[in-house]
C-alpha atoms as a PDB file:
ATOM      1  CA  UNK A   1       1.829  10.399   8.770  1.00  0.00           C
ATOM      2  CA  UNK A   2      -1.286   9.857  10.885  1.00  0.00           C
ATOM      3  CA  UNK A   3      -3.364  11.930   8.460  1.00  0.00           C
ATOM      4  CA  UNK A   4      -2.354   9.554   5.668  1.00  0.00           C
ATOM      5  CA  UNK A   5      -3.370   6.527   7.731  1.00  0.00           C
ATOM      6  CA  UNK A   6      -6.735   8.078   8.598  1.00  0.00           C
ATOM      7  CA  UNK A   7      -7.361   9.069   4.971  1.00  0.00           C
ATOM      8  CA  UNK A   8      -6.444   5.579   3.727  1.00  0.00           C
ATOM      9  CA  UNK A   9      -8.806   3.960   6.228  1.00  0.00           C
ATOM     10  CA  UNK A  10     -11.639   6.366   5.396  1.00  0.00           C
ATOM     11  CA  UNK A  11     -11.221   5.734   1.674  1.00  0.00           C
ATOM     12  CA  UNK A  12     -11.228   1.951   2.117  1.00  0.00           C
ATOM     13  CA  UNK A  13     -14.349   2.016   4.307  1.00  0.00           C
ATOM     14  CA  UNK A  14     -16.223   4.362   1.962  1.00  0.00           C
ATOM     15  CA  UNK A  15     -15.290   2.619  -1.280  1.00  0.00           C
ATOM     16  CA  UNK A  16     -14.958  -1.052  -0.395  1.00  0.00           C
ATOM     17  CA  UNK A  17     -17.227  -1.557   2.602  1.00  0.00           C
ATOM     18  CA  UNK A  18     -19.984   1.025   2.175  1.00  0.00           C
ATOM     19  CA  UNK A  19     -19.749   1.185  -1.652  1.00  0.00           C
ATOM     20  CA  UNK A  20     -20.172   4.951  -1.414  1.00  0.00           C
ATOM     21  CA  UNK A  21     -16.994   6.495  -2.805  1.00  0.00           C
ATOM     22  CA  UNK A  22     -18.113  10.045  -1.959  1.00  0.00           C
ATOM     23  CA  UNK A  23     -19.014   9.253   1.655  1.00  0.00           C
ATOM     24  CA  UNK A  24     -17.041  11.412   4.090  1.00  0.00           C
ATOM     25  CA  UNK A  25     -16.101   9.650   7.309  1.00  0.00           C
ATOM     26  CA  UNK A  26     -14.794  11.918  10.050  1.00  0.00           C
ATOM     27  CA  UNK A  27     -12.032  10.719  12.393  1.00  0.00           C
ATOM     28  CA  UNK A  28     -14.382  10.562  15.396  1.00  0.00           C
ATOM     29  CA  UNK A  29     -17.447   9.144  13.638  1.00  0.00           C
ATOM     30  CA  UNK A  30     -18.644   5.906  15.219  1.00  0.00           C
ATOM     31  CA  UNK A  31     -18.249   2.943  12.906  1.00  0.00           C
ATOM     32  CA  UNK A  32     -19.484  -0.033  14.913  1.00  0.00           C
ATOM     33  CA  UNK A  33     -21.701   1.448  17.629  1.00  0.00           C
ATOM     34  CA  UNK A  34     -23.603   3.489  15.026  1.00  0.00           C
ATOM     35  CA  UNK A  35     -24.113   0.435  12.810  1.00  0.00           C
ATOM     36  CA  UNK A  36     -22.148   1.963   9.930  1.00  0.00           C
ATOM     37  CA  UNK A  37     -20.149  -1.263   9.618  1.00  0.00           C
ATOM     38  CA  UNK A  38     -21.126  -4.776  10.711  1.00  0.00           C
ATOM     39  CA  UNK A  39     -19.103  -7.730  11.994  1.00  0.00           C
ATOM     40  CA  UNK A  40     -18.345  -9.044   8.504  1.00  0.00           C
ATOM     41  CA  UNK A  41     -17.088  -5.641   7.411  1.00  0.00           C
ATOM     42  CA  UNK A  42     -15.055  -5.440  10.597  1.00  0.00           C
ATOM     43  CA  UNK A  43     -13.116  -8.532   9.560  1.00  0.00           C
ATOM     44  CA  UNK A  44     -12.521  -7.054   6.095  1.00  0.00           C
ATOM     45  CA  UNK A  45     -11.247  -3.869   7.714  1.00  0.00           C
ATOM     46  CA  UNK A  46      -8.941  -5.790  10.059  1.00  0.00           C
ATOM     47  CA  UNK A  47      -7.451  -7.746   7.154  1.00  0.00           C
ATOM     48  CA  UNK A  48      -6.983  -4.543   5.164  1.00  0.00           C
ATOM     49  CA  UNK A  49      -5.160  -2.943   8.103  1.00  0.00           C
ATOM     50  CA  UNK A  50      -2.896  -5.956   8.547  1.00  0.00           C
ATOM     51  CA  UNK A  51      -2.035  -6.127   4.849  1.00  0.00           C
ATOM     52  CA  UNK A  52      -1.687  -2.399   4.213  1.00  0.00           C
ATOM     53  CA  UNK A  53       0.111  -1.284   7.361  1.00  0.00           C
ATOM     54  CA  UNK A  54       1.889  -4.532   8.238  1.00  0.00           C
ATOM     55  CA  UNK A  55       0.518  -4.713  11.786  1.00  0.00           C
ATOM     56  CA  UNK A  56      -1.101  -7.583  13.651  1.00  0.00           C
ATOM     57  CA  UNK A  57      -4.674  -7.230  14.916  1.00  0.00           C
ATOM     58  CA  UNK A  58      -5.757  -9.686  17.601  1.00  0.00           C
ATOM     59  CA  UNK A  59      -9.263 -11.178  17.392  1.00  0.00           C
ATOM     60  CA  UNK A  60      -9.988  -9.807  20.870  1.00  0.00           C
ATOM     61  CA  UNK A  61      -9.421  -6.277  19.541  1.00  0.00           C
ATOM     62  CA  UNK A  62     -12.250  -6.492  17.007  1.00  0.00           C
ATOM     63  CA  UNK A  63     -14.759  -4.553  19.088  1.00  0.00           C
ATOM     64  CA  UNK A  64     -16.197  -1.087  19.529  1.00  0.00           C
ATOM     65  CA  UNK A  65     -13.640  -0.186  22.203  1.00  0.00           C
ATOM     66  CA  UNK A  66     -10.744  -0.559  19.756  1.00  0.00           C
ATOM     67  CA  UNK A  67     -12.272  -0.212  16.286  1.00  0.00           C
ATOM     68  CA  UNK A  68     -15.109   2.278  16.698  1.00  0.00           C
ATOM     69  CA  UNK A  69     -13.600   5.259  14.903  1.00  0.00           C
ATOM     70  CA  UNK A  70     -10.760   6.240  12.621  1.00  0.00           C
ATOM     71  CA  UNK A  71      -8.876   8.020  15.395  1.00  0.00           C
ATOM     72  CA  UNK A  72      -8.740   4.827  17.474  1.00  0.00           C
ATOM     73  CA  UNK A  73      -7.657   2.781  14.486  1.00  0.00           C
ATOM     74  CA  UNK A  74      -4.948   5.256  13.519  1.00  0.00           C
ATOM     75  CA  UNK A  75      -3.616   5.273  17.071  1.00  0.00           C
ATOM     76  CA  UNK A  76      -3.566   1.462  17.135  1.00  0.00           C
ATOM     77  CA  UNK A  77      -1.714   1.292  13.814  1.00  0.00           C
ATOM     78  CA  UNK A  78       0.903   3.916  14.700  1.00  0.00           C
ATOM     79  CA  UNK A  79       1.585   2.271  18.082  1.00  0.00           C
ATOM     80  CA  UNK A  80       2.481  -0.975  16.282  1.00  0.00           C
ATOM     81  CA  UNK A  81       4.559   0.323  13.410  1.00  0.00           C
END
């Protein structure tokens, strides 16, 4: 189950945010702190997570401590499902 969540997130980030469909994003790769995604993309990602996985993301969680890699995001999603 968690592998599917991680793969779905990676695909969305690569295709929709980075516009690089072949980009491989590893589960522990930094998204925010590395500059891979910016604050606008972070909002897009949060909305995608809410819509796709039916979980609520608080505005205070949109930071590098919560959203910096796919592993953190997957853990957040599974804890709320």
